[in-house]
Amino acid sequence: MNPLESLRVAGESLAANRLRSLLTMIGVIIGVAAVVVLVAIGGGAKSMVENEVEGLGSNIILIVPGKFAFGTAPSLSRLQYSDIDLAARVVGSPDDVTASITSGEEVRSGPLDFFATVQGLTQTVPQIFNRPIAQGAYLTKADVDTGARVVVLGADVASALFPGEDPVGRPVTIAGVRFRVVGVAVRRGSAFGVSQDSQVDIPITAAQRLFGVSAVQDLAVKAPTPDRIKPLSDQLVAALSAKYPGERFSAVTQDQILGTIGRILSLLTLVLAAIAGISLLVGGVGVSNIMLVGVRERTREIGLRKALGARQRDVTLQFLIEAVLLTAVGGAIGILLGVAISAAVGALSPLPTQIAWWSPAVAFAVSVAVGVFFGVVPARRAGRLDPVVALRTD
C-alpha cells in the first residue's frame, strides 16, 4: 500500500467516526489557537510600546543622574538649569537641548479642577519631541527667560477645565499660583500607561520658582542623525562628570528602552506560548489513547490486511498517518480559530494584537510533531499484531 492509498484509507476511517475524531482533536485545536492568540497579544503589546517610544520623537538622548535602571527610583539630581548651555555646546545647537522638572499638582479654573502632571520645560521642546499644538502657541524663549506664568494645557485638562470653550487667554491656577493659558496640545493618547493629555507645560524657570527648587531632573538632547547618538551620549556624560566630580550620569536612548522592554515582552510571550503549548501535549495524549482504542476495535481488520499481504510497515504507516492527520486537521482548525479570536480581541478590546507569521507555522508544525510522537506507539502496536491471532479476535 503506497502512502497516498494509506492517506485515503486514513481519511475514510476518520470520516466514519466524525464525532470521535472531533473530540480527539479538541485538545490540539485549543492548544494551537491559544498559542496563536497569546503570541498575537504579545506581539501587539510589543508593537504598541515601540510606536509609543518612536512617537516621542526620533534620535532622543535622555541624560539622567545616577545609574539608570527600570524599576528603580531615580537618583537625586544635581543637574542645574545652566547645564542646558553645557549640553548645547557639546551638541553644537541650543535648539536641540531641553531640560525638565515634573510634579503632580492641582490645576483649577473657577470651580473646576484637574490633577495634572505639571512639566517645567523650555521653548525647544517642539523641535525635540513630538508636541504639536492644536490651539494657540507653545512657550517662547522670552517666556523661559523671564519665568512668565504661562501654560500649555493637555487635551484632557483643557476639556475638563473649559468644556466647550476656547481656553487660550483664560486664567488657571497651578498649586495656587495664577497662570495664563497660551496654547492647547493636540490629543496624543497614552505612553507607557501614562496619559500625555493629562499634562500641562510651563516655563522651566517658572517651575523652579513654583516648586521651590533650583535643580532640573534631566536633560533631553536630539542627535542630528542616528549614527551620532552613541558619540553624543558619551560626550555628554563625560562633560557632566567633569563638571560634577564624583557624580554619575547615564545616557538613555530609545534603542535601549526598546531593547529592554522588547526583551521583557518577548520572554513573557514565550512563557505564555509555552503554557498554551501544554494543551497540545494534553491533546497528544488524547490522540494516543484514541488510537490505541482504534487498534483494539480494528484488530480483525488488521489481521485480514496482513493475511492478504500487507506488511508490518504498511499497517504501521496507515495508523501513523491517521494520528498525524488528526493533529494536522486539528492544527489547521486551531490556526483559523486563533486568527479569528486574535482579530476579535484586537477589534473589540483595548488589548492590541499582531499576528506574527511564524506563530501559526510553528503551532501547526508542533501539532504535526505531536501526531507523530503520540501516534508511534499505537501504530507500532498495530503493525506487530500477529495476523492469526488478530483474525481469531472477536
Protein backbone atom coordinates (compact mmCIF):
# COMPACT_ATOMS: atom_id res chain seq x y z
CA MET A 1 0.00 0.00 0.00
CA ASN A 2 1.51 3.32 -1.07
CA PRO A 3 1.40 6.44 1.13
CA LEU A 4 -1.37 8.06 -0.93
CA GLU A 5 -3.55 4.99 -0.53
CA SER A 6 -2.80 4.97 3.20
CA LEU A 7 -3.80 8.64 3.39
CA ARG A 8 -7.09 7.90 1.62
CA VAL A 9 -7.88 4.98 3.93
CA ALA A 10 -6.95 7.09 6.99
CA GLY A 11 -9.28 9.87 5.84
CA GLU A 12 -12.15 7.43 5.32
CA SER A 13 -11.53 5.91 8.76
CA LEU A 14 -11.64 9.31 10.48
CA ALA A 15 -14.69 10.40 8.48
CA ALA A 16 -16.52 7.24 9.56
CA ASN A 17 -16.12 8.34 13.20
CA ARG A 18 -16.63 12.09 12.87
CA LEU A 19 -17.69 12.82 16.45
CA ARG A 20 -14.88 10.80 18.00
CA SER A 21 -12.35 12.39 15.65
CA LEU A 22 -13.61 15.87 16.53
CA LEU A 23 -13.49 15.20 20.26
CA THR A 24 -9.97 13.82 19.87
CA MET A 25 -8.86 16.98 18.06
CA ILE A 26 -10.28 19.41 20.64
CA GLY A 27 -7.11 19.43 22.75
CA VAL A 28 -4.98 20.15 19.69
CA ILE A 29 -7.40 22.82 18.44
CA ILE A 30 -7.39 24.63 21.80
CA GLY A 31 -3.61 24.38 22.13
CA VAL A 32 -2.87 25.76 18.66
CA ALA A 33 -5.48 28.52 18.98
CA ALA A 34 -4.11 29.53 22.39
CA VAL A 35 -0.56 29.72 21.05
CA VAL A 36 -1.64 31.91 18.11
CA VAL A 37 -3.75 34.24 20.29
CA LEU A 38 -1.19 34.69 23.07
CA VAL A 39 1.68 35.31 20.65
CA ALA A 40 -0.54 37.82 18.80
CA ILE A 41 -1.30 39.68 22.04
CA GLY A 42 2.40 39.70 23.00
CA GLY A 43 3.38 40.93 19.54
CA GLY A 44 0.70 43.62 19.65
CA ALA A 45 1.89 44.84 23.04
CA LYS A 46 5.48 45.00 21.79
CA SER A 47 4.43 46.90 18.66
CA MET A 48 2.38 49.34 20.73
CA VAL A 49 5.35 50.09 23.01
CA GLU A 50 7.62 50.61 20.00
CA ASN A 51 5.12 53.03 18.46
CA GLU A 52 4.82 54.94 21.73
CA VAL A 53 8.58 55.30 22.09
CA GLU A 54 9.01 56.32 18.45
CA GLY A 55 6.08 58.73 18.80
CA LEU A 56 8.01 60.73 21.39
CA GLY A 57 10.46 61.83 18.70
CA SER A 58 13.50 60.50 16.89
CA ASN A 59 17.17 60.29 17.91
CA ILE A 60 16.41 61.30 21.51
CA ILE A 61 19.02 61.05 24.26
CA LEU A 62 17.98 61.46 27.91
CA ILE A 63 20.67 62.36 30.44
CA VAL A 64 19.69 61.36 33.97
CA PRO A 65 21.60 61.43 37.27
CA GLY A 66 22.86 58.16 38.72
CA LYS A 67 22.66 54.75 37.10
CA PHE A 68 19.50 54.28 35.07
CA ALA A 69 17.62 51.00 35.54
CA PHE A 70 13.97 50.06 35.01
CA GLY A 71 12.06 49.62 38.24
CA THR A 72 14.46 51.65 40.41
CA ALA A 73 13.85 55.08 41.90
CA PRO A 74 15.67 57.95 40.17
CA SER A 75 18.70 59.44 41.90
CA LEU A 76 18.61 62.92 43.40
CA SER A 77 19.63 65.35 40.69
CA ARG A 78 22.49 67.83 40.82
CA LEU A 79 21.77 69.00 37.30
CA GLN A 80 21.24 72.75 37.01
CA TYR A 81 19.49 74.97 34.50
CA SER A 82 22.92 76.16 33.35
CA ASP A 83 23.72 72.60 32.21
CA ILE A 84 21.46 73.25 29.23
CA ASP A 85 24.18 75.57 27.90
CA LEU A 86 26.84 72.94 28.61
CA ALA A 87 24.89 70.31 26.66
CA ALA A 88 24.23 72.80 23.84
CA ARG A 89 27.97 73.37 23.44
CA VAL A 90 28.54 69.61 23.19
CA VAL A 91 25.72 69.13 20.69
CA GLY A 92 26.50 72.30 18.77
CA SER A 93 22.93 73.63 18.75
CA PRO A 94 20.91 75.19 21.61
CA ASP A 95 17.69 74.29 19.79
CA ASP A 96 18.38 70.57 20.27
CA VAL A 97 18.59 70.63 24.08
CA THR A 98 15.97 70.92 26.79
CA ALA A 99 15.57 70.13 30.48
CA SER A 100 12.57 69.26 32.62
CA ILE A 101 11.09 69.45 36.10
CA THR A 102 7.96 67.41 36.83
CA SER A 103 5.43 67.41 39.65
CA GLY A 104 1.81 66.41 40.13
CA GLU A 105 -0.29 69.47 41.00
CA GLU A 106 -3.90 70.63 41.14
CA VAL A 107 -4.89 72.85 38.20
CA ARG A 108 -8.04 74.93 38.74
CA SER A 109 -10.32 77.17 36.73
CA GLY A 110 -13.12 78.63 38.79
CA PRO A 111 -14.99 75.76 40.49
CA LEU A 112 -13.42 73.12 38.20
CA ASP A 113 -10.18 71.33 38.99
CA PHE A 114 -7.92 68.67 37.46
CA PHE A 115 -4.95 66.86 38.98
CA ALA A 116 -2.33 67.10 36.25
CA THR A 117 1.33 66.35 35.63
CA VAL A 118 2.96 69.78 35.57
CA GLN A 119 6.15 69.88 33.50
CA GLY A 120 8.64 72.72 33.55
CA LEU A 121 10.20 72.79 30.07
CA THR A 122 11.97 75.07 27.63
CA GLN A 123 10.81 76.52 24.33
CA THR A 124 12.84 73.94 22.37
CA VAL A 125 10.54 71.02 23.25
CA PRO A 126 8.54 71.07 19.94
CA GLN A 127 11.82 70.74 17.99
CA ILE A 128 12.94 67.75 20.10
CA PHE A 129 9.77 65.88 20.99
CA ASN A 130 6.53 65.32 19.14
CA ARG A 131 4.42 68.05 20.77
CA PRO A 132 2.02 69.51 18.16
CA ILE A 133 -0.26 72.36 19.22
CA ALA A 134 -4.00 72.34 18.47
CA GLN A 135 -4.80 75.90 19.62
CA GLY A 136 -2.70 78.96 20.38
CA ALA A 137 1.08 78.58 20.56
CA TYR A 138 3.82 76.89 22.57
CA LEU A 139 6.13 78.50 25.10
CA THR A 140 8.60 81.07 23.78
CA LYS A 141 12.20 81.87 24.67
CA ALA A 142 11.02 85.11 26.26
CA ASP A 143 8.64 83.11 28.47
CA VAL A 144 11.51 80.91 29.65
CA ASP A 145 13.98 83.79 30.11
CA THR A 146 11.53 85.82 32.21
CA GLY A 147 9.86 82.91 34.03
CA ALA A 148 6.49 84.01 32.67
CA ARG A 149 3.40 82.47 34.23
CA VAL A 150 2.03 80.97 31.05
CA VAL A 151 0.87 77.40 30.43
CA VAL A 152 0.12 74.99 27.60
CA LEU A 153 -2.70 72.60 28.55
CA GLY A 154 -3.02 68.95 27.60
CA ALA A 155 -6.20 67.99 25.74
CA ASP A 156 -7.84 66.30 28.76
CA VAL A 157 -7.00 69.19 31.07
CA ALA A 158 -8.44 71.73 28.61
CA SER A 159 -11.64 69.66 28.19
CA ALA A 160 -12.10 69.30 31.95
CA LEU A 161 -11.46 72.93 32.88
CA PHE A 162 -13.01 74.62 29.85
CA PRO A 163 -15.73 72.29 28.50
CA GLY A 164 -16.92 73.54 25.11
CA GLU A 165 -14.88 76.76 25.42
CA ASP A 166 -11.65 78.15 23.98
CA PRO A 167 -9.16 78.20 26.88
CA VAL A 168 -6.49 80.31 25.14
CA GLY A 169 -6.04 83.56 27.05
CA ARG A 170 -8.00 82.30 30.05
CA PRO A 171 -6.50 82.12 33.57
CA VAL A 172 -5.88 78.96 35.58
CA THR A 173 -4.20 78.39 38.92
CA ILE A 174 -1.48 75.79 39.42
CA ALA A 175 -0.70 74.96 43.05
CA GLY A 176 -2.49 78.18 43.95
CA VAL A 177 -0.45 80.38 41.54
CA ARG A 178 -2.18 82.14 38.64
CA PHE A 179 -1.10 81.28 35.07
CA ARG A 180 -2.42 82.32 31.64
CA VAL A 181 -3.23 79.70 29.01
CA VAL A 182 -1.31 80.31 25.77
CA GLY A 183 -1.95 77.02 23.99
CA VAL A 184 -3.61 73.59 23.96
CA ALA A 185 -1.73 70.48 22.82
CA VAL A 186 -3.05 68.03 20.26
CA ARG A 187 -4.59 64.91 21.79
CA ARG A 188 -1.79 62.31 21.91
CA GLY A 189 -3.16 59.41 23.97
CA SER A 190 -1.10 57.39 26.44
CA ALA A 191 2.54 56.40 26.54
CA PHE A 192 3.65 53.56 28.85
CA GLY A 193 0.26 53.69 30.56
CA VAL A 194 0.54 57.42 31.36
CA SER A 195 -1.85 59.84 29.67
CA GLN A 196 0.02 62.53 27.75
CA ASP A 197 -3.21 64.52 27.62
CA SER A 198 -3.19 65.00 31.40
CA GLN A 199 -0.01 67.09 31.28
CA VAL A 200 0.49 70.84 31.33
CA ASP A 201 3.70 72.59 30.26
CA ILE A 202 5.06 75.75 31.89
CA PRO A 203 8.43 77.51 31.52
CA ILE A 204 11.10 75.65 33.44
CA THR A 205 12.16 78.85 35.20
CA ALA A 206 8.58 79.38 36.41
CA ALA A 207 8.50 75.75 37.56
CA GLN A 208 11.65 76.26 39.63
CA ARG A 209 10.00 79.16 41.48
CA LEU A 210 6.67 77.32 41.78
CA PHE A 211 8.22 74.15 43.24
CA GLY A 212 11.00 75.92 45.19
CA VAL A 213 13.85 74.01 43.55
CA SER A 214 16.99 75.03 41.68
CA ALA A 215 17.92 71.66 40.13
CA VAL A 216 16.44 70.13 36.98
CA GLN A 217 15.54 66.44 36.81
CA ASP A 218 17.04 65.52 33.45
CA LEU A 219 18.32 66.79 30.13
CA ALA A 220 16.99 65.76 26.73
CA VAL A 221 19.03 66.05 23.55
CA LYS A 222 18.13 65.42 19.93
CA ALA A 223 21.00 63.93 17.93
CA PRO A 224 21.19 65.18 14.32
CA THR A 225 21.49 61.63 12.92
CA PRO A 226 21.15 58.09 14.34
CA ASP A 227 24.88 57.44 14.00
CA ARG A 228 25.61 60.44 16.24
CA ILE A 229 23.58 59.09 19.18
CA LYS A 230 26.35 56.98 20.73
CA PRO A 231 29.18 59.56 20.38
CA LEU A 232 26.98 62.36 21.72
CA SER A 233 25.85 60.19 24.64
CA ASP A 234 29.45 59.52 25.65
CA GLN A 235 30.45 63.19 25.23
CA LEU A 236 27.53 64.47 27.29
CA VAL A 237 28.15 62.03 30.14
CA ALA A 238 31.87 62.90 30.11
CA ALA A 239 31.19 66.66 30.16
CA LEU A 240 28.77 66.42 33.09
CA SER A 241 31.04 64.02 35.02
CA ALA A 242 33.89 66.53 34.61
CA LYS A 243 31.69 69.36 35.93
CA TYR A 244 30.39 67.30 38.89
CA PRO A 245 33.33 65.17 40.14
CA GLY A 246 32.22 62.03 41.94
CA GLU A 247 28.73 62.15 40.43
CA ARG A 248 27.46 59.53 38.00
CA PHE A 249 25.26 60.21 34.97
CA SER A 250 23.56 57.90 32.48
CA ALA A 251 22.57 58.41 28.87
CA VAL A 252 19.34 56.64 27.95
CA THR A 253 18.43 56.20 24.29
CA GLN A 254 15.27 54.99 22.60
CA ASP A 255 17.06 51.86 21.40
CA GLN A 256 17.96 50.99 24.99
CA ILE A 257 14.37 51.46 26.13
CA LEU A 258 13.01 49.43 23.22
CA GLY A 259 15.63 46.73 23.73
CA THR A 260 14.88 46.30 27.43
CA ILE A 261 11.11 46.36 27.06
CA GLY A 262 11.31 44.19 23.96
CA ARG A 263 13.26 41.50 25.82
CA ILE A 264 10.77 41.54 28.68
CA LEU A 265 7.77 41.26 26.36
CA SER A 266 9.43 38.59 24.21
CA LEU A 267 10.17 36.50 27.30
CA LEU A 268 6.62 36.96 28.56
CA THR A 269 5.22 35.95 25.17
CA LEU A 270 7.43 32.86 25.11
CA VAL A 271 6.28 31.83 28.59
CA LEU A 272 2.61 32.31 27.67
CA ALA A 273 3.07 30.33 24.45
CA ALA A 274 4.79 27.53 26.39
CA ILE A 275 1.90 27.42 28.85
CA ALA A 276 -0.55 27.26 25.95
CA GLY A 277 1.58 24.51 24.40
CA ILE A 278 0.70 22.27 27.35
CA SER A 279 -2.75 21.91 25.74
CA LEU A 280 -1.02 20.41 22.71
CA LEU A 281 0.62 17.78 24.89
CA VAL A 282 -2.72 17.01 26.52
CA GLY A 283 -4.25 16.75 23.05
CA GLY A 284 -1.42 14.41 22.02
CA VAL A 285 -2.16 12.11 24.96
CA GLY A 286 -5.79 12.07 23.84
CA VAL A 287 -4.78 11.17 20.30
CA SER A 288 -2.57 8.34 21.54
CA ASN A 289 -5.37 7.00 23.74
CA ILE A 290 -7.97 7.08 20.97
CA MET A 291 -5.57 5.46 18.50
CA LEU A 292 -4.91 2.61 20.96
CA VAL A 293 -8.65 2.11 21.29
CA GLY A 294 -8.88 2.17 17.49
CA VAL A 295 -6.25 -0.57 17.22
CA ARG A 296 -8.25 -2.81 19.58
CA GLU A 297 -11.50 -2.14 17.69
CA ARG A 298 -9.92 -2.90 14.30
CA THR A 299 -7.89 -5.95 15.27
CA ARG A 300 -9.74 -8.25 12.84
CA GLU A 301 -9.36 -5.67 10.06
CA ILE A 302 -5.61 -5.54 10.70
CA GLY A 303 -5.39 -9.34 10.71
CA LEU A 304 -7.27 -9.54 7.41
CA ARG A 305 -5.00 -6.99 5.75
CA LYS A 306 -1.88 -8.78 6.91
CA ALA A 307 -3.31 -12.11 5.74
CA LEU A 308 -3.86 -10.55 2.29
CA GLY A 309 -0.22 -9.48 2.09
CA ALA A 310 0.03 -6.16 3.97
CA ARG A 311 3.43 -5.78 5.56
CA GLN A 312 4.09 -4.64 9.13
CA ARG A 313 5.35 -1.27 7.90
CA ASP A 314 2.20 -0.81 5.78
CA VAL A 315 -0.07 -1.20 8.81
CA THR A 316 2.22 0.94 10.97
CA LEU A 317 2.27 3.68 8.33
CA GLN A 318 -1.53 3.67 7.99
CA PHE A 319 -2.14 4.19 11.71
CA LEU A 320 0.64 6.74 11.95
CA ILE A 321 -0.89 8.69 9.07
CA GLU A 322 -4.27 8.60 10.86
CA ALA A 323 -2.70 10.07 14.01
CA VAL A 324 -0.86 12.79 12.06
CA LEU A 325 -3.99 13.55 10.03
CA LEU A 326 -5.96 14.03 13.25
CA THR A 327 -3.47 16.52 14.68
CA ALA A 328 -2.86 18.25 11.33
CA VAL A 329 -6.57 18.88 10.79
CA GLY A 330 -6.88 19.97 14.43
CA GLY A 331 -3.90 22.29 13.96
CA ALA A 332 -5.44 23.86 10.84
CA ILE A 333 -8.75 24.43 12.64
CA GLY A 334 -6.86 25.83 15.65
CA ILE A 335 -4.97 28.29 13.43
CA LEU A 336 -8.21 29.57 11.86
CA LEU A 337 -9.82 29.84 15.29
CA GLY A 338 -6.75 31.58 16.76
CA VAL A 339 -6.60 34.12 13.92
CA ALA A 340 -10.32 34.85 14.30
CA ILE A 341 -10.07 35.28 18.08
CA SER A 342 -6.98 37.49 17.69
CA ALA A 343 -8.80 39.73 15.23
CA ALA A 344 -11.82 39.92 17.53
CA VAL A 345 -9.67 40.74 20.59
CA GLY A 346 -7.86 43.49 18.67
CA ALA A 347 -11.12 44.98 17.39
CA LEU A 348 -13.32 44.68 20.48
CA SER A 349 -10.92 45.15 23.41
CA PRO A 350 -8.13 47.55 24.43
CA LEU A 351 -5.61 44.71 24.06
CA PRO A 352 -3.58 45.17 20.85
CA THR A 353 -2.91 42.12 18.71
CA GLN A 354 -0.40 41.50 15.94
CA ILE A 355 -0.25 38.05 14.37
CA ALA A 356 3.32 37.01 13.70
CA TRP A 357 3.70 34.90 10.56
CA TRP A 358 5.77 32.34 12.40
CA SER A 359 3.32 31.58 15.22
CA PRO A 360 0.72 29.73 13.06
CA ALA A 361 3.53 27.94 11.21
CA VAL A 362 5.25 26.84 14.43
CA ALA A 363 1.95 25.86 16.06
CA PHE A 364 0.98 23.76 13.03
CA ALA A 365 4.42 22.12 12.89
CA VAL A 366 4.23 21.29 16.60
CA SER A 367 0.73 19.83 16.16
CA VAL A 368 2.02 17.55 13.38
CA ALA A 369 5.01 16.60 15.54
CA VAL A 370 2.62 15.75 18.36
CA GLY A 371 0.74 13.44 15.98
CA VAL A 372 3.96 11.69 15.02
CA PHE A 373 5.21 11.41 18.61
CA PHE A 374 1.98 10.18 20.16
CA GLY A 375 0.97 8.10 17.15
CA VAL A 376 4.10 5.94 17.05
CA VAL A 377 3.14 3.61 19.91
CA PRO A 378 -0.39 2.77 18.63
CA ALA A 379 0.93 2.44 15.07
CA ARG A 380 3.72 0.06 16.08
CA ARG A 381 1.32 -1.99 18.19
CA ALA A 382 -0.98 -2.32 15.20
CA GLY A 383 1.90 -3.30 12.90
CA ARG A 384 3.16 -6.00 15.29
CA LEU A 385 -0.15 -7.84 15.58
CA ASP A 386 0.03 -11.49 14.57
CA PRO A 387 -2.47 -11.98 11.70
CA VAL A 388 -3.59 -15.42 13.00
CA VAL A 389 -4.25 -14.07 16.49
CA ALA A 390 -5.91 -10.97 15.06
CA LEU A 391 -8.31 -12.98 12.89
CA ARG A 392 -9.36 -15.09 15.88
CA THR A 393 -10.23 -11.95 17.92
CA ASP A 394 -13.97 -11.39 18.47
